Amino acid sequence: MRRIPVQRRSAEKVDRMLDAAAALLDEGGYDALSTRTVAARTGMPIGSIYRFFSDKRSLADALTRRNLEHFVARIEPKLAGARQWDPVIDAVVDEYLDMKATVPGFAVLDFGDNREVARTLAGLLGVGVNPILVAVEAADALLRAHHDDPELVEETKQLLRSYLGRRLPPPVGDR
């Protein structure tokens, strides 16, 4: 982003821009997203869009950051006090699938950079980043391709349980 909104009105304006970008992604994929289409969708002058975003890539980047923030806000209470991998994996995978099905634009962009997702999850769980990155990469590949197959979703969870259970101690919980 070119600037971070400071005032509530500006933050609301940016949220409207990001909501419009997410809707455009759902309607036509990444090719449908542009600063002009966001301006048209929101009814804002193109200059208002450019005040915060330099191009469609910066819009997409901001949307992926917002997705990760929402994801963390949704899973953090579910991870509090977790002392085993099973409930952690269930919470993380189930929330990802729920967002994929319900959050506009998420199915196209989700979180963007898996390294950022891994750093965030490792920090929440009090564990090392590299094993979490391997788990995130594996889950990302499997769930992108098979998110609508309950048996393969369960197999993905089993894979994560097995791998993380061998590589890391149980999560710390209540960090």
Protein backbone atom coordinates (compact mmCIF):
# COMPACT_ATOMS: atom_id res chain seq x y z
CA MET A 1 0.00 0.00 0.00
CA ARG A 2 1.15 3.50 -0.74
CA ARG A 3 -0.29 4.84 2.50
CA ILE A 4 -1.86 3.32 5.53
CA PRO A 5 -5.22 4.87 6.38
CA VAL A 6 -5.12 6.68 9.68
CA GLN A 7 -8.60 8.09 10.01
CA ARG A 8 -11.65 5.84 10.36
CA ARG A 9 -13.21 7.27 7.20
CA SER A 10 -10.10 6.46 5.17
CA ALA A 11 -9.94 2.94 6.65
CA GLU A 12 -13.58 2.40 5.69
CA LYS A 13 -12.82 3.63 2.18
CA VAL A 14 -9.92 1.17 1.86
CA ASP A 15 -12.15 -1.63 3.13
CA ARG A 16 -14.70 -0.76 0.42
CA MET A 17 -11.91 -0.90 -2.17
CA LEU A 18 -10.75 -4.29 -0.91
CA ASP A 19 -14.32 -5.60 -0.79
CA ALA A 20 -14.78 -4.54 -4.41
CA ALA A 21 -11.48 -6.18 -5.37
CA ALA A 22 -12.56 -9.42 -3.67
CA ALA A 23 -15.90 -9.41 -5.50
CA LEU A 24 -14.15 -8.85 -8.82
CA LEU A 25 -11.82 -11.76 -8.13
CA ASP A 26 -14.79 -14.04 -7.48
CA GLU A 27 -16.50 -12.88 -10.64
CA GLY A 28 -13.64 -13.11 -13.11
CA GLY A 29 -10.42 -14.18 -11.43
CA TYR A 30 -7.22 -12.16 -11.24
CA ASP A 31 -7.65 -10.88 -14.82
CA ALA A 32 -10.88 -9.11 -13.82
CA LEU A 33 -9.09 -7.07 -11.15
CA SER A 34 -7.80 -3.60 -11.99
CA THR A 35 -7.67 -0.24 -10.31
CA ARG A 36 -10.19 1.03 -12.88
CA THR A 37 -12.69 -1.75 -12.19
CA VAL A 38 -12.35 -1.17 -8.44
CA ALA A 39 -12.97 2.55 -8.97
CA ALA A 40 -16.02 1.79 -11.11
CA ARG A 41 -17.36 -0.77 -8.62
CA THR A 42 -16.97 1.56 -5.64
CA GLY A 43 -18.02 4.73 -7.41
CA MET A 44 -14.80 6.39 -6.25
CA PRO A 45 -12.54 8.45 -8.49
CA ILE A 46 -9.50 6.54 -9.74
CA GLY A 47 -7.31 9.02 -7.84
CA SER A 48 -8.80 7.73 -4.57
CA ILE A 49 -7.72 4.21 -5.47
CA TYR A 50 -4.22 5.39 -6.44
CA ARG A 51 -3.89 7.28 -3.16
CA PHE A 52 -3.65 3.89 -1.43
CA PHE A 53 -2.76 1.38 -4.16
CA SER A 54 -0.25 1.72 -6.98
CA ASP A 55 -1.67 -1.09 -9.11
CA LYS A 56 -3.73 -4.27 -9.03
CA ARG A 57 -0.83 -6.21 -7.46
CA SER A 58 -0.84 -3.89 -4.46
CA LEU A 59 -4.62 -4.33 -4.17
CA ALA A 60 -4.16 -8.10 -4.23
CA ASP A 61 -1.34 -7.92 -1.66
CA ALA A 62 -3.48 -5.85 0.70
CA LEU A 63 -6.35 -8.29 0.29
CA THR A 64 -4.10 -11.27 1.14
CA ARG A 65 -2.86 -9.45 4.26
CA ARG A 66 -6.45 -8.77 5.29
CA ASN A 67 -7.32 -12.44 4.68
CA LEU A 68 -4.48 -13.55 6.94
CA GLU A 69 -5.51 -11.08 9.65
CA HIS A 70 -9.10 -12.38 9.53
CA PHE A 71 -7.88 -15.98 9.57
CA VAL A 72 -5.74 -15.35 12.65
CA ALA A 73 -8.60 -13.57 14.41
CA ARG A 74 -10.85 -16.55 13.71
CA ILE A 75 -8.42 -19.32 14.76
CA GLU A 76 -6.63 -17.68 17.68
CA PRO A 77 -9.46 -18.36 20.17
CA LYS A 78 -9.67 -21.96 18.93
CA LEU A 79 -5.95 -22.48 19.50
CA ALA A 80 -5.88 -21.04 23.00
CA GLY A 81 -4.86 -23.75 25.41
CA ALA A 82 -4.24 -26.35 22.69
CA ARG A 83 -1.73 -28.90 23.92
CA GLN A 84 -2.07 -31.49 21.14
CA TRP A 85 -1.80 -31.30 17.36
CA ASP A 86 -5.22 -32.82 16.55
CA PRO A 87 -7.37 -29.85 17.61
CA VAL A 88 -4.87 -27.38 16.12
CA ILE A 89 -4.88 -29.09 12.73
CA ASP A 90 -8.66 -29.45 12.75
CA ALA A 91 -9.11 -25.76 13.61
CA VAL A 92 -6.61 -24.49 11.03
CA VAL A 93 -7.78 -26.70 8.15
CA ASP A 94 -11.48 -26.27 8.89
CA GLU A 95 -11.15 -22.49 9.13
CA TYR A 96 -9.18 -22.37 5.88
CA LEU A 97 -11.88 -24.39 4.12
CA ASP A 98 -14.64 -22.25 5.61
CA MET A 99 -12.94 -19.07 4.43
CA LYS A 100 -12.38 -20.60 0.99
CA ALA A 101 -16.11 -21.23 0.75
CA THR A 102 -17.43 -18.03 2.32
CA VAL A 103 -14.95 -15.13 2.12
CA PRO A 104 -15.11 -13.17 -1.14
CA GLY A 105 -11.90 -13.34 -3.14
CA PHE A 106 -10.30 -15.90 -0.83
CA ALA A 107 -10.66 -18.81 -3.24
CA VAL A 108 -8.55 -16.89 -5.77
CA LEU A 109 -5.89 -15.32 -3.52
CA ASP A 110 -6.16 -16.85 -0.04
CA PHE A 111 -3.10 -15.65 1.97
CA GLY A 112 -0.53 -15.17 -0.74
CA ASP A 113 2.86 -15.98 0.80
CA ASN A 114 2.98 -19.31 2.66
CA ARG A 115 6.10 -18.16 4.52
CA GLU A 116 4.10 -15.40 6.20
CA VAL A 117 1.36 -17.88 7.10
CA ALA A 118 3.95 -20.26 8.58
CA ARG A 119 5.63 -17.48 10.60
CA THR A 120 2.26 -16.38 11.94
CA LEU A 121 1.14 -19.91 12.89
CA ALA A 122 4.53 -20.77 14.42
CA GLY A 123 4.32 -17.63 16.56
CA LEU A 124 0.80 -18.46 17.70
CA LEU A 125 1.78 -22.03 18.57
CA GLY A 126 5.21 -21.36 20.04
CA VAL A 127 7.00 -23.76 17.68
CA GLY A 128 9.67 -23.64 14.96
CA VAL A 129 8.88 -22.07 11.60
CA ASN A 130 10.44 -24.55 9.15
CA PRO A 131 8.30 -27.60 10.04
CA ILE A 132 5.21 -25.40 10.00
CA LEU A 133 6.21 -24.08 6.56
CA VAL A 134 6.50 -27.63 5.23
CA ALA A 135 3.06 -28.42 6.69
CA VAL A 136 1.53 -25.24 5.24
CA GLU A 137 3.01 -25.91 1.79
CA ALA A 138 1.76 -29.51 1.79
CA ALA A 139 -1.70 -28.54 3.04
CA ASP A 140 -1.92 -25.67 0.56
CA ALA A 141 -1.17 -27.91 -2.41
CA LEU A 142 -3.55 -30.65 -1.30
CA LEU A 143 -6.42 -28.42 -0.23
CA ARG A 144 -6.27 -26.24 -3.36
CA ALA A 145 -6.77 -29.34 -5.47
CA HIS A 146 -9.07 -31.38 -3.21
CA HIS A 147 -10.90 -28.96 -0.89
CA ASP A 148 -14.25 -30.38 -1.97
CA ASP A 149 -13.40 -34.04 -1.26
CA PRO A 150 -14.02 -34.85 2.44
CA GLU A 151 -11.94 -38.04 2.29
CA LEU A 152 -8.91 -36.22 0.91
CA VAL A 153 -9.38 -33.38 3.40
CA GLU A 154 -9.25 -35.99 6.18
CA GLU A 155 -6.17 -37.59 4.59
CA THR A 156 -4.53 -34.15 4.52
CA LYS A 157 -5.26 -33.72 8.22
CA GLN A 158 -3.78 -37.16 8.93
CA LEU A 159 -0.66 -36.27 6.98
CA LEU A 160 -0.25 -33.06 8.98
CA ARG A 161 -0.85 -34.82 12.31
CA SER A 162 1.74 -37.47 11.49
CA TYR A 163 4.37 -35.05 10.23
CA LEU A 164 3.98 -32.39 12.92
CA GLY A 165 3.67 -35.00 15.68
CA ARG A 166 7.06 -36.43 14.67
CA ARG A 167 8.82 -33.13 13.99
CA LEU A 168 7.63 -30.86 16.80
CA PRO A 169 6.65 -31.08 20.43
CA PRO A 170 2.96 -30.46 21.12
CA PRO A 171 1.89 -26.81 20.81
CA VAL A 172 2.41 -24.64 23.83
CA GLY A 173 -1.10 -23.13 23.93
CA ASP A 174 -2.02 -19.89 25.72
CA ARG A 175 1.01 -18.00 24.44
